[in-house]
Amino acid sequence: MAKSASKNAKIKDAKASAEAKNWTKVIKAVRSPKTGAYTFKEQIVHKDKVKDFLAQK
């Protein structure tokens, strides 16, 4: 007979998934001054810090 997941494990997974929903992957196109080609800067940031990340140069 297979073991069933304990109640505590389910609660921890629910907390982790709720915490993970506060993070966002942000992709920003950055133009190279030397060649003029675009490169992409990716970062995972907290949802409250997205505007700060996009405002950076």
C-alpha atoms as a PDB file:
ATOM      1  CA  MET A   1       0.000   0.000   0.000  1.00  0.00           C
ATOM      2  CA  ALA A   2       1.361   3.440  -0.929  1.00  0.00           C
ATOM      3  CA  LYS A   3       1.942   6.135   1.640  1.00  0.00           C
ATOM      4  CA  SER A   4      -0.356   9.131   1.511  1.00  0.00           C
ATOM      5  CA  ALA A   5       0.949  12.695   1.790  1.00  0.00           C
ATOM      6  CA  SER A   6       0.783  14.079   5.279  1.00  0.00           C
ATOM      7  CA  LYS A   7      -1.358  17.077   6.095  1.00  0.00           C
ATOM      8  CA  ASN A   8       1.719  19.176   7.013  1.00  0.00           C
ATOM      9  CA  ALA A   9       3.331  18.599   3.602  1.00  0.00           C
ATOM     10  CA  LYS A  10       0.202  19.853   1.851  1.00  0.00           C
ATOM     11  CA  ILE A  11       0.149  23.015   3.991  1.00  0.00           C
ATOM     12  CA  LYS A  12       3.832  23.763   3.257  1.00  0.00           C
ATOM     13  CA  ASP A  13       3.256  23.305  -0.491  1.00  0.00           C
ATOM     14  CA  ALA A  14       0.287  25.683  -0.378  1.00  0.00           C
ATOM     15  CA  LYS A  15       2.361  28.316   1.402  1.00  0.00           C
ATOM     16  CA  ALA A  16       5.211  27.925  -1.101  1.00  0.00           C
ATOM     17  CA  SER A  17       2.888  28.259  -4.089  1.00  0.00           C
ATOM     18  CA  ALA A  18       1.242  31.345  -2.588  1.00  0.00           C
ATOM     19  CA  GLU A  19       4.692  32.864  -2.031  1.00  0.00           C
ATOM     20  CA  ALA A  20       5.783  32.017  -5.596  1.00  0.00           C
ATOM     21  CA  LYS A  21       2.885  33.994  -7.049  1.00  0.00           C
ATOM     22  CA  ASN A  22       4.536  37.195  -5.792  1.00  0.00           C
ATOM     23  CA  TRP A  23       7.496  36.799  -8.191  1.00  0.00           C
ATOM     24  CA  THR A  24       7.565  37.729 -11.895  1.00  0.00           C
ATOM     25  CA  LYS A  25      10.018  37.073 -14.727  1.00  0.00           C
ATOM     26  CA  VAL A  26      10.797  40.394 -16.427  1.00  0.00           C
ATOM     27  CA  ILE A  27      12.474  40.631 -19.835  1.00  0.00           C
ATOM     28  CA  LYS A  28      13.934  43.962 -20.912  1.00  0.00           C
ATOM     29  CA  ALA A  29      15.338  44.795 -24.365  1.00  0.00           C
ATOM     30  CA  VAL A  30      18.630  46.681 -24.094  1.00  0.00           C
ATOM     31  CA  ARG A  31      20.273  48.298 -27.117  1.00  0.00           C
ATOM     32  CA  SER A  32      24.055  47.968 -27.447  1.00  0.00           C
ATOM     33  CA  PRO A  33      25.714  51.374 -27.931  1.00  0.00           C
ATOM     34  CA  LYS A  34      28.559  49.779 -29.883  1.00  0.00           C
ATOM     35  CA  THR A  35      26.652  47.720 -32.490  1.00  0.00           C
ATOM     36  CA  GLY A  36      23.092  48.964 -32.145  1.00  0.00           C
ATOM     37  CA  ALA A  37      21.842  45.384 -31.753  1.00  0.00           C
ATOM     38  CA  TYR A  38      19.340  44.505 -29.053  1.00  0.00           C
ATOM     39  CA  THR A  39      20.103  42.103 -26.227  1.00  0.00           C
ATOM     40  CA  PHE A  40      17.656  40.893 -23.644  1.00  0.00           C
ATOM     41  CA  LYS A  41      18.142  41.144 -19.902  1.00  0.00           C
ATOM     42  CA  GLU A  42      16.037  38.674 -17.924  1.00  0.00           C
ATOM     43  CA  GLN A  43      15.522  38.648 -14.197  1.00  0.00           C
ATOM     44  CA  ILE A  44      13.051  37.259 -11.708  1.00  0.00           C
ATOM     45  CA  VAL A  45      11.931  40.069  -9.407  1.00  0.00           C
ATOM     46  CA  HIS A  46       9.282  40.593  -6.760  1.00  0.00           C
ATOM     47  CA  LYS A  47       6.068  41.987  -8.212  1.00  0.00           C
ATOM     48  CA  ASP A  48       6.522  45.214  -6.226  1.00  0.00           C
ATOM     49  CA  LYS A  49       9.954  45.871  -7.815  1.00  0.00           C
ATOM     50  CA  VAL A  50       9.024  45.469 -11.524  1.00  0.00           C
ATOM     51  CA  LYS A  51       8.848  49.215 -12.239  1.00  0.00           C
ATOM     52  CA  ASP A  52      12.226  49.753 -10.549  1.00  0.00           C
ATOM     53  CA  PHE A  53      13.812  47.064 -12.728  1.00  0.00           C
ATOM     54  CA  LEU A  54      12.397  48.526 -15.925  1.00  0.00           C
ATOM     55  CA  ALA A  55      13.508  52.042 -14.946  1.00  0.00           C
ATOM     56  CA  GLN A  56      17.162  50.974 -14.602  1.00  0.00           C
ATOM     57  CA  LYS A  57      19.595  51.825 -17.378  1.00  0.00           C
END
